[in-house]
Protein backbone atom coordinates (compact mmCIF):
# COMPACT_ATOMS: atom_id res chain seq x y z
CA MET A 1 -41.47 16.75 18.32
CA GLN A 2 -42.15 13.94 20.36
CA GLU A 3 -41.04 14.24 24.00
CA ALA A 4 -42.31 11.35 25.68
CA ILE A 5 -42.44 7.43 25.37
CA ASP A 6 -45.74 5.85 25.26
CA SER A 7 -45.55 1.90 25.64
CA SER A 8 -49.19 1.67 24.45
CA ARG A 9 -48.38 2.84 21.07
CA PRO A 10 -47.91 -0.11 18.36
CA LEU A 11 -44.36 1.45 17.66
CA PRO A 12 -41.85 -0.52 19.75
CA VAL A 13 -40.53 1.44 22.42
CA TYR A 14 -36.80 1.39 21.38
CA VAL A 15 -37.95 2.83 17.98
CA GLN A 16 -39.75 5.61 19.77
CA LEU A 17 -36.51 6.48 21.85
CA LYS A 18 -34.35 6.15 18.82
CA THR A 19 -36.62 8.64 16.90
CA LEU A 20 -36.89 10.99 19.75
CA LEU A 21 -32.95 11.20 20.26
CA MET A 22 -32.40 11.76 16.39
CA GLU A 23 -34.82 14.49 16.44
CA GLN A 24 -33.23 16.04 19.44
CA ILE A 25 -29.81 15.88 17.50
CA VAL A 26 -31.13 17.47 14.47
CA SER A 27 -32.84 20.23 16.30
CA GLY A 28 -29.60 21.19 18.03
CA ARG A 29 -30.42 20.16 21.63
CA TYR A 30 -27.43 17.78 21.46
CA ALA A 31 -24.65 19.37 19.14
CA PRO A 32 -21.93 17.67 17.47
CA GLY A 33 -19.66 15.88 19.84
CA ALA A 34 -22.14 16.31 22.95
CA ARG A 35 -22.61 13.74 25.22
CA LEU A 36 -25.90 12.06 25.43
CA PRO A 37 -27.66 11.04 28.73
CA THR A 38 -26.37 7.83 29.92
CA GLU A 39 -28.48 4.73 29.52
CA HIS A 40 -29.41 4.75 33.27
CA GLU A 41 -30.22 8.46 32.95
CA LEU A 42 -32.65 7.74 29.76
CA CYS A 43 -34.28 4.84 31.81
CA ARG A 44 -35.26 7.23 34.37
CA THR A 45 -36.17 10.19 32.31
CA TYR A 46 -38.49 8.15 29.96
CA GLY A 47 -39.66 5.49 32.50
CA ILE A 48 -38.51 2.69 30.47
CA SER A 49 -36.42 -0.45 30.96
CA ARG A 50 -32.66 -0.69 29.90
CA THR A 51 -33.07 -3.22 27.14
CA PRO A 52 -34.84 -0.62 24.49
CA VAL A 53 -32.35 2.08 25.65
CA ASN A 54 -29.50 0.12 24.97
CA ARG A 55 -31.12 -1.08 21.34
CA ALA A 56 -31.72 2.24 20.43
CA LEU A 57 -28.23 3.55 21.30
CA SER A 58 -26.77 0.41 19.68
CA GLU A 59 -28.85 1.08 16.21
CA LEU A 60 -27.86 4.81 16.47
CA ALA A 61 -24.08 3.82 16.63
CA GLU A 62 -24.49 1.24 13.76
CA GLU A 63 -25.96 4.25 11.65
CA GLY A 64 -23.19 6.63 12.58
CA VAL A 65 -25.45 9.04 14.39
CA VAL A 66 -23.63 8.53 17.77
CA LEU A 67 -20.10 7.36 18.85
CA ARG A 68 -20.21 4.98 21.88
CA HIS A 69 -17.20 5.02 24.20
CA ARG A 70 -16.44 2.32 26.61
CA ARG A 71 -17.09 3.78 30.14
CA ARG A 72 -17.52 7.18 28.76
CA GLY A 73 -20.98 7.19 27.08
CA SER A 74 -22.46 8.04 23.71
CA PHE A 75 -21.53 11.15 21.62
CA VAL A 76 -23.19 12.82 18.82
CA ASN A 77 -21.06 11.77 15.83
CA PRO A 78 -19.76 15.32 14.20
CA HIS A 79 -19.55 13.84 10.85
CA TRP A 80 -23.22 12.97 10.73
CA ILE A 81 -25.05 16.13 10.21
CA ALA A 82 -24.19 17.14 6.68
CA GLY A 83 -25.86 20.55 7.08
CA LYS A 84 -23.34 21.61 9.77
CA ARG A 85 -20.41 20.58 7.64
CA SER A 86 -17.93 23.69 6.39
CA ALA A 87 -17.17 23.40 2.85
CA ALA A 88 -13.55 23.60 3.41
CA GLU A 89 -13.41 21.33 6.56
CA VAL A 90 -11.25 18.06 6.50
CA ARG A 91 -13.01 15.35 8.13
CA VAL A 92 -10.91 13.06 10.27
CA VAL A 93 -11.55 9.92 12.06
CA VAL A 94 -9.26 8.69 14.67
CA PRO A 95 -9.21 5.94 17.28
CA ASP A 96 -9.27 6.99 21.28
CA GLY A 97 -5.87 8.13 22.70
CA ARG A 98 -3.50 11.02 21.80
CA TRP A 99 -4.41 11.11 18.12
CA GLU A 100 -6.50 14.12 18.00
CA GLU A 101 -3.98 15.96 19.92
CA GLN A 102 -1.25 15.29 17.58
CA ILE A 103 -3.03 16.03 14.70
CA ARG A 104 -4.14 19.35 15.82
CA GLN A 105 -0.60 19.98 17.14
CA VAL A 106 0.77 20.16 13.41
CA THR A 107 -2.68 21.59 11.56
CA PRO A 108 -1.63 24.22 9.37
CA ASP A 109 -3.03 27.71 9.92
CA GLY A 110 -6.44 27.96 8.09
CA LEU A 111 -7.21 24.24 7.83
CA VAL A 112 -10.46 23.64 9.59
CA LEU A 113 -10.70 20.12 11.06
CA ASN A 114 -13.65 18.06 12.02
CA ILE A 115 -12.46 15.25 14.15
CA ALA A 116 -14.41 12.14 15.05
CA THR A 117 -13.13 9.90 17.92
CA VAL A 118 -14.06 6.32 17.82
CA ASP A 119 -13.38 3.34 20.20
CA LEU A 120 -10.59 1.28 18.60
CA ALA A 121 -12.77 -1.77 18.96
CA ASP A 122 -15.35 -0.20 16.82
CA LEU A 123 -13.29 1.70 14.35
CA HIS A 124 -13.23 -1.18 11.83
CA SER A 125 -16.86 -1.47 11.44
CA PHE A 126 -17.34 2.34 11.71
CA LEU A 127 -15.55 3.06 8.79
CA ILE A 128 -16.98 0.30 6.45
CA HIS A 129 -20.48 1.73 7.34
CA ALA A 130 -19.27 5.28 6.82
CA VAL A 131 -18.29 4.25 3.30
CA ALA A 132 -21.31 2.16 2.59
CA GLU A 133 -23.44 5.38 3.60
CA GLY A 134 -21.23 7.86 1.25
CA ARG A 135 -19.85 9.53 4.21
CA ALA A 136 -16.24 8.42 4.39
CA PRO A 137 -13.88 10.71 6.28
CA ASP A 138 -11.11 12.65 4.21
CA LEU A 139 -8.37 11.14 6.38
CA ALA A 140 -8.43 8.38 8.98
CA VAL A 141 -6.18 6.64 11.45
CA ILE A 142 -6.45 2.74 10.69
CA ASP A 143 -5.03 -0.42 11.97
CA SER A 144 -2.12 -0.90 9.40
CA VAL A 145 -3.32 -4.55 9.04
CA TRP A 146 -6.54 -3.19 7.49
CA THR A 147 -4.82 -1.54 4.73
CA ARG A 148 -4.87 -4.25 2.03
CA GLU A 149 -8.47 -5.14 2.94
CA PHE A 150 -9.88 -1.34 2.56
CA ALA A 151 -7.62 -0.96 -0.75
CA ALA A 152 -8.94 -4.24 -2.24
CA SER A 153 -12.56 -2.93 -1.46
CA GLY A 154 -11.82 0.35 -3.30
CA PHE A 155 -11.93 2.56 -0.14
CA LEU A 156 -8.68 4.11 -0.20
CA ALA A 157 -6.96 6.48 -2.60
CA PRO A 158 -3.33 5.88 -4.00
CA LEU A 159 -1.28 8.47 -2.37
CA ASP A 160 1.05 8.70 -5.49
CA GLU A 161 -1.75 10.25 -7.29
CA LEU A 162 -2.03 13.00 -4.67
CA ASP A 163 1.33 13.75 -4.29
CA PRO A 164 4.00 11.81 -6.14
CA ASP A 165 6.80 13.92 -5.59
CA TRP A 166 6.56 13.59 -1.74
CA ILE A 167 6.16 9.86 -2.15
CA ARG A 168 9.38 9.42 -4.24
CA ARG A 169 11.45 12.14 -2.38
CA GLU A 170 10.48 11.63 1.26
CA TYR A 171 8.54 8.26 1.67
CA GLU A 172 10.50 6.03 -0.21
CA THR A 173 13.67 6.96 1.10
CA ASP A 174 13.25 7.69 4.87
CA PHE A 175 10.22 5.32 5.91
CA LEU A 176 11.05 2.04 7.39
CA GLU A 177 10.47 -1.47 5.67
CA PRO A 178 8.64 -3.56 6.18
CA PHE A 179 5.96 -0.86 6.72
CA ARG A 180 6.24 0.54 3.14
CA SER A 181 5.39 -2.88 1.76
CA ALA A 182 2.60 -3.56 4.18
CA ASN A 183 0.73 -0.24 3.15
CA GLN A 184 1.14 -1.14 -0.52
CA TYR A 185 -1.74 -2.85 -2.74
CA ARG A 186 -0.90 -3.58 -6.21
CA GLU A 187 2.34 -1.76 -5.92
CA ARG A 188 0.71 1.51 -5.16
CA THR A 189 1.25 3.18 -1.61
CA VAL A 190 -2.20 3.60 -0.04
CA ALA A 191 -1.39 4.52 3.58
CA VAL A 192 1.43 5.67 5.52
CA GLN A 193 2.70 4.21 8.76
CA ALA A 194 1.89 6.67 11.46
CA GLU A 195 3.82 4.94 14.50
CA ALA A 196 5.15 1.35 15.04
CA ASP A 197 5.14 -0.97 17.91
CA VAL A 198 6.82 -4.40 18.79
CA ALA A 199 5.39 -7.16 20.86
CA GLY A 200 6.86 -8.54 23.83
CA LEU A 201 6.95 -9.65 27.65
CA TRP A 202 6.40 -7.13 30.29
CA TYR A 203 7.37 -8.07 33.87
CA ARG A 204 7.75 -6.63 37.26
CA ARG A 205 11.36 -6.15 38.09
CA ASP A 206 11.17 -7.15 41.84
CA ASP A 207 9.26 -10.42 41.16
CA LEU A 208 11.87 -11.73 38.76
CA ALA A 209 14.55 -10.57 41.12
CA GLY A 210 13.04 -13.00 43.57
CA THR A 211 13.68 -16.05 41.16
CA ASP A 212 17.50 -15.29 40.85
CA ARG A 213 16.84 -15.52 37.20
CA ALA A 214 17.54 -13.07 34.42
CA GLU A 215 14.84 -12.06 31.74
CA PRO A 216 13.50 -15.37 30.01
CA ARG A 217 15.11 -15.95 26.68
CA THR A 218 13.38 -19.22 25.70
CA TRP A 219 10.22 -21.09 26.42
CA ASP A 220 11.92 -23.20 28.99
CA ASP A 221 13.25 -20.27 30.77
CA LEU A 222 9.77 -18.71 31.03
CA ALA A 223 8.25 -21.92 32.27
CA ALA A 224 11.09 -22.19 34.97
CA VAL A 225 10.50 -18.61 36.15
CA LEU A 226 6.77 -19.20 36.45
CA ARG A 227 6.99 -22.35 38.08
CA THR A 228 9.04 -20.55 40.85
CA LEU A 229 6.82 -17.49 41.25
CA ARG A 230 3.83 -19.87 41.37
CA ARG A 231 5.21 -21.53 44.44
CA ASP A 232 5.65 -18.13 45.99
CA GLY A 233 2.37 -16.46 44.83
CA ASP A 234 -1.47 -16.86 45.08
CA HIS A 235 -2.14 -16.14 41.47
CA PRO A 236 -1.25 -17.30 38.05
CA PRO A 237 2.06 -15.47 37.34
CA LEU A 238 1.56 -14.92 33.51
CA THR A 239 -1.45 -13.20 32.00
CA LEU A 240 -2.41 -12.59 28.28
CA PRO A 241 -5.34 -12.07 26.09
CA GLY A 242 -6.48 -15.24 25.32
CA GLY A 243 -9.67 -15.37 23.49
CA SER A 244 -12.20 -13.37 20.96
CA ARG A 245 -12.94 -10.86 23.62
CA GLY A 246 -9.31 -9.66 23.48
CA GLY A 247 -9.90 -9.15 19.65
CA GLU A 248 -6.67 -7.98 17.78
CA THR A 249 -4.68 -8.07 20.80
CA THR A 250 -5.03 -11.83 21.37
CA THR A 251 -4.00 -12.19 17.70
CA TYR A 252 -1.03 -10.02 18.15
CA CYS A 253 0.42 -11.62 20.74
CA LEU A 254 -0.28 -15.29 19.35
CA LEU A 255 1.37 -14.16 16.32
CA ALA A 256 4.65 -13.08 18.04
CA LEU A 257 4.70 -16.39 20.06
CA LEU A 258 4.43 -18.03 16.54
CA ALA A 259 7.14 -15.90 15.25
CA ALA A 260 9.45 -16.54 17.93
CA ASN A 261 9.23 -20.51 16.96
CA GLY A 262 9.38 -19.70 12.96
CA ALA A 263 5.96 -20.43 12.50
CA ARG A 264 3.95 -18.14 9.86
CA VAL A 265 0.28 -18.27 9.00
CA VAL A 266 0.68 -17.21 5.67
CA GLU A 267 3.92 -17.14 3.45
CA SER A 268 4.26 -16.97 -0.24
CA GLY A 269 0.64 -17.07 -1.05
CA ARG A 270 -0.05 -20.26 0.99
CA ILE A 271 -1.45 -20.99 4.31
CA THR A 272 1.62 -22.18 6.43
CA LEU A 273 -0.31 -22.27 9.87
CA HIS A 274 -0.87 -26.19 9.91
CA THR A 275 2.75 -26.93 10.71
CA PRO A 276 4.37 -28.61 13.71
CA ARG A 277 6.01 -25.49 15.07
CA THR A 278 2.65 -23.97 15.45
CA VAL A 279 1.27 -27.07 17.26
CA GLU A 280 4.30 -26.63 19.54
CA CYS A 281 3.41 -23.21 20.39
CA LEU A 282 -0.31 -23.98 20.96
CA ALA A 283 0.81 -27.12 23.21
CA PHE A 284 3.22 -24.78 25.31
CA LEU A 285 0.50 -22.32 26.15
CA ARG A 286 -2.02 -25.27 26.80
CA GLY A 287 0.64 -26.81 29.15
CA LEU A 288 1.14 -23.41 31.16
CA VAL A 289 -2.70 -23.42 31.76
CA VAL A 290 -2.79 -27.29 32.94
CA GLU A 291 0.09 -26.17 35.23
CA GLY A 292 -1.80 -23.18 36.88
CA LEU A 293 0.85 -20.90 35.40
CA VAL A 294 -1.73 -19.01 33.32
CA SER A 295 -5.28 -18.77 34.17
CA ALA A 296 -8.01 -20.56 31.72
CA ASP A 297 -9.98 -17.19 32.52
CA VAL A 298 -7.64 -15.35 30.05
CA VAL A 299 -9.95 -16.43 27.30
CA SER A 300 -12.61 -13.96 28.75
CA TYR A 301 -10.32 -11.25 29.09
CA GLU A 302 -10.80 -7.94 27.19
CA TRP A 303 -7.67 -6.51 25.41
CA ASP A 304 -6.41 -4.28 28.16
CA ARG A 305 -7.17 -6.56 31.29
CA PRO A 306 -3.90 -8.37 31.19
CA ILE A 307 -1.87 -5.02 31.49
CA ARG A 308 -4.05 -3.92 34.18
CA GLN A 309 -3.26 -7.06 36.19
CA LEU A 310 0.26 -6.62 35.89
CA ALA A 311 0.02 -3.09 36.96
CA GLN A 312 -2.09 -4.15 39.99
CA GLY A 313 0.36 -6.87 41.03
CA GLN A 314 -2.30 -9.53 40.27
CA ALA A 315 0.28 -11.19 37.76
CA SER A 316 3.94 -11.02 37.50
CA LEU A 317 4.60 -11.08 33.82
CA ALA A 318 2.20 -10.30 30.81
CA PHE A 319 2.43 -10.75 27.05
CA GLY A 320 1.77 -7.34 25.19
CA GLY A 321 3.21 -4.86 23.27
CA SER A 322 5.31 -1.71 23.53
CA TYR A 323 2.05 0.33 22.90
CA ASP A 324 1.23 -0.65 26.67
CA ALA A 325 3.98 1.63 28.44
CA VAL A 326 1.75 4.74 28.79
CA ALA A 327 -1.25 2.92 29.89
CA LEU A 328 0.82 0.45 32.24
CA ALA A 329 2.43 3.70 33.89
CA GLU A 330 -0.91 5.23 34.50
CA ALA A 331 -2.50 1.79 35.83
CA ALA A 332 0.26 1.47 38.14
CA SER A 333 0.23 5.33 39.30
CA LEU A 334 3.77 5.81 38.30
CA PRO A 335 5.13 8.82 36.52
CA ARG A 336 6.49 7.56 33.18
CA GLU A 337 10.10 8.36 33.89
CA ARG A 338 9.69 5.86 36.64
CA LEU A 339 8.18 3.07 34.62
CA LEU A 340 11.31 1.05 33.69
CA ASP A 341 12.35 1.09 37.37
CA VAL A 342 9.38 -1.01 38.35
CA PHE A 343 8.67 -2.98 35.32
CA GLY A 344 10.84 -4.46 32.38
CA PHE A 345 10.00 -5.09 28.96
CA THR A 346 12.12 -7.71 26.55
CA SER A 347 11.63 -9.77 23.30
CA VAL A 348 9.08 -12.77 23.32
CA PRO A 349 11.10 -15.94 24.39
CA THR A 350 12.05 -18.13 21.73
CA GLY A 351 10.65 -21.54 21.17
CA PRO A 352 12.61 -24.93 20.32
CA HIS A 353 13.25 -23.48 16.89
CA ARG A 354 15.18 -20.47 18.78
CA VAL A 355 13.86 -17.62 16.17
CA ASP A 356 14.97 -14.29 17.45
CA THR A 357 12.30 -12.09 16.00
CA THR A 358 9.24 -10.59 17.16
CA LEU A 359 6.01 -8.98 15.79
CA SER A 360 5.51 -5.39 14.85
CA GLY A 361 2.32 -3.42 14.15
CA GLY A 362 0.80 -0.22 14.41
CA MET A 363 -1.48 2.36 13.18
CA ALA A 364 -1.43 4.04 9.45
CA TYR A 365 -2.89 7.21 8.02
CA ALA A 366 -5.01 6.60 4.84
CA ILE A 367 -7.00 8.89 2.78
CA PHE A 368 -10.69 7.74 1.38
CA ARG A 369 -11.58 7.94 -2.18
CA GLN A 370 -14.59 9.55 -1.08
CA ALA A 371 -12.69 12.49 0.22
CA ARG A 372 -14.08 15.74 -0.37
CA GLN A 373 -10.91 17.67 0.54
CA SER A 374 -8.22 15.00 -0.62
CA GLY A 375 -5.67 17.86 -1.34
CA GLN A 376 -6.05 19.21 2.09
CA ALA A 377 -5.96 15.62 3.73
CA MET A 378 -2.60 14.93 1.83
CA ARG A 379 -1.24 18.10 3.15
CA LEU A 380 -2.19 17.28 6.59
CA LEU A 381 -0.77 13.65 6.26
CA ARG A 382 2.72 15.19 5.36
CA ASP A 383 2.54 17.41 8.37
CA VAL A 384 1.56 14.81 10.57
CA VAL A 385 4.21 12.33 9.44
CA SER A 386 7.17 14.85 9.29
CA THR A 387 10.30 13.92 10.99
CA GLU A 388 9.84 16.60 13.72
CA ALA A 389 6.16 15.76 14.36
CA GLN A 390 7.14 11.84 14.56
CA ILE A 391 9.82 12.68 17.24
CA GLY A 392 7.45 14.62 19.05
CA MET A 393 4.91 11.69 18.90
CA SER A 394 7.44 9.30 19.89
CA THR A 395 8.53 11.21 22.94
CA ALA A 396 5.14 11.64 24.12
CA THR A 397 3.75 8.10 23.62
CA TRP A 398 6.79 5.98 23.57
CA GLN A 399 5.65 4.55 20.28
CA LEU A 400 8.30 4.14 17.63
CA ALA A 401 8.47 6.45 14.53
CA SER A 402 8.11 4.92 11.05
CA ARG A 403 10.84 7.17 9.50
CA LYS A 404 14.49 6.14 10.08
CA SER A 405 15.50 9.76 10.62
CA ALA A 406 12.98 9.96 13.59
CA VAL A 407 13.63 6.77 15.07
CA THR A 408 17.24 7.59 15.53
CA ARG A 409 16.88 10.94 17.12
CA ALA A 410 13.82 9.80 19.29
CA SER A 411 15.79 6.86 20.57
CA GLU A 412 18.86 9.15 21.64
CA GLY A 413 17.22 10.38 24.92
CA SER A 414 14.98 7.27 25.55
CA PRO A 415 16.37 3.93 26.84
CA PHE A 416 13.00 2.54 26.28
CA LEU A 417 12.92 3.54 22.55
CA CYS A 418 16.30 2.52 22.19
CA THR A 419 15.62 -1.10 23.33
CA THR A 420 12.24 -1.40 21.32
CA GLY A 421 14.09 0.07 18.19
CA ARG A 422 16.57 -2.64 18.49
CA MET A 423 13.55 -5.09 18.39
CA LEU A 424 12.00 -3.44 15.58
CA ALA A 425 15.09 -4.16 13.26
CA GLY A 426 14.36 -7.69 13.47
CA ALA A 427 10.34 -7.84 13.46
CA THR A 428 7.95 -9.44 11.10
CA VAL A 429 4.42 -7.92 10.38
CA ARG A 430 1.13 -9.43 10.49
CA PRO A 431 -0.14 -11.59 7.62
CA ALA A 432 -0.70 -9.52 4.29
CA THR A 433 -4.11 -10.53 3.31
CA THR A 434 -7.43 -8.62 2.21
CA GLN A 435 -9.32 -10.76 4.57
CA TYR A 436 -7.00 -10.13 7.68
CA ALA A 437 -9.85 -9.18 10.01
CA ARG A 438 -11.59 -12.67 9.37
CA VAL A 439 -8.28 -14.62 9.48
CA SER A 440 -7.70 -12.79 12.98
CA VAL A 441 -11.12 -14.10 14.40
CA GLN A 442 -9.96 -17.71 13.38
CA LEU A 443 -6.67 -17.39 15.16
CA GLN A 444 -8.53 -16.09 18.27
CA ALA A 445 -10.88 -18.98 18.02
CA MET A 446 -7.98 -21.35 17.69
CA LEU A 447 -6.28 -20.22 20.73
CA GLU A 448 -9.41 -20.12 22.85
CA ALA A 449 -10.22 -23.74 21.95
CA VAL A 450 -6.77 -25.16 22.98
CA LEU A 451 -6.61 -22.92 26.27
CA VAL A 452 -9.73 -24.38 27.66
CA GLY A 453 -9.07 -27.91 26.22
CA ARG A 454 -11.95 -27.82 23.94
CA LEU A 455 -9.44 -29.13 21.11
CA GLU A 456 -6.13 -30.55 21.01
CA PRO A 457 -3.39 -28.30 19.38
CA ALA A 458 -3.13 -30.15 16.46
CA SER A 459 -6.78 -30.52 15.75
CA ALA A 460 -7.13 -26.81 16.68
CA CYS A 461 -4.48 -25.84 14.11
CA GLU A 462 -5.97 -28.03 11.29
CA ARG A 463 -9.34 -26.41 11.89
CA ALA A 464 -8.11 -22.97 11.69
CA ALA A 465 -6.30 -23.71 8.52
CA GLU A 466 -9.36 -24.95 6.94
CA MET A 467 -11.38 -22.14 7.82
CA ILE A 468 -8.69 -19.68 6.64
CA ASN A 469 -8.72 -21.54 3.60
CA ALA A 470 -12.44 -21.17 3.22
CA ILE A 471 -12.04 -17.47 3.84
CA THR A 472 -9.15 -16.45 1.71
CA GLY A 473 -9.06 -19.10 -1.01
CA LEU A 474 -5.33 -19.61 -0.37
CA PRO A 475 -3.85 -23.28 -0.56
CA ILE A 476 -2.86 -24.82 2.61
CA ALA A 477 0.81 -26.01 2.62
CA TYR A 478 1.42 -29.29 4.08
C-alpha cells in the first residue's frame, strides 16, 4: 500500500492522495462512519498544498466514498463498501439534524439500520449519484419538492405497490393536503411527508416594541417599521437569504413573498411568473436595499446566516421559516422554552393585493426502486410517520406534523405549534414540476440580479420566465 506522496512521479499529487485514502478505507484503517484527517492535517502529514488535498476529497465525495460535512470534516460513507453490508440491513440516507435519532427511536427490534448522514446542501446530488452507480438507499429523507423529479426519473417505488392497505386506510384519511398531492406522481403515492414547515417573518420583540408598532401585516407596515429601526440602529434592520449561495432557502423565502401578493411561478401547466404581481414584489425588495433597510450583501449569504444575524442582534427581523426555531434558540443561547419571550414569528406581510397566505414545505420519506430491503423499508416508514412518532418529532423539533391527528395533539401544549398550525391551514406549496431544482436556481438568479441592481425587476422577471420555459417546456402565460 502506498504510504507517501511523491511529487516527482508523473501521477498528479491529488490522484496519489485519493488512491492512498481509498486504500486506507478499504483496508479498514478508517472504518465506515469514521472521520478522515482534516485538510490541514493531510497537508502536514504528506507535505503537500491544500489544492490537491481539496480536489482529492472533493472527488471522493462525488464518488460517494466519503461524506463531507461543513465545519465538521469528511467521513467514510457507511454505504460505500459493499463487503461490509449486512444482507438484512436497511440502508437509510438522511440530512443533518435529528433525523437519525428520530428514526432509531422507532426502529423495531431485529431491524438492522445502516444510516448515512449527508449535508442538506449536498443531498440532492448525493442521491442522484447513488442511483446512477446502483447504490441507492432503501429509504431516504428528501426535500418534498424533489419528489416528482425523482419519480419522473424512475428513482422511487410507488408506495401503494408496497402496502396498498396502509395507503388506503391511514395515508389517504389522515395525512394533510396539499402534501398528499405534492407527493404523488401520475396519481401514485411515491413519498410520505415527514414534517411540515411554514415561511414567515422572525423578529426581535424588544426591537419592535421600540417602534410602537405591532407585527407588520403588510409591505407598507414592514417598510415603516424598518425605517424607524434604521434611524435608531447602525445596521440594516431586515435580513434574508438573497442569492444562489442561500440555495433553496432563498427560493423558499422569495416564493413566500410572491404568494403573499398572489403571484405564482407555475399554475395550471403554464409559467405565470411574468406578471405585474411578481414585478411588484421584486421592486419592493429592491427598494428596501436602495433605502439601506436591507444590505445588498444578502446576495452572498449562505442559507443560515440571516437567522444567525437575528440571533446575535445584527438584525431586527429576518425572513425564514418555522424550521428555524431550534437553530435560532441555539444561536441565541436560549433554552427553547424562552425563545418566544425574546423572538416572535408571524406570517409573511401581504403585498398590495393582500393575499393572506404563506408557503409550506418540508421533508419526505421515499423508498427507492433499487432498494434491496423494500419491505423492511416500508415497515420502517410506517413506524416513523405513526401518529405517536410524529407527535414526538413535532414536540422535539417544533416542526409541524403531516398527520391531522398528530397536528392537533402536538399543538395542545405548544403556543408555537398552535400558531404555525393555523398558518399551515392556508398555505400553498412550491411549484410542482419535475425540473424544480433547475427552476429554483433561476429564481435565485432573478432575485440576486434585482437586489444588486444588475437588472430592473421587469427585465429580471421576463428573463427568468424565459429560462424556466427553456428548462421545463411549459408555455409562458402573458
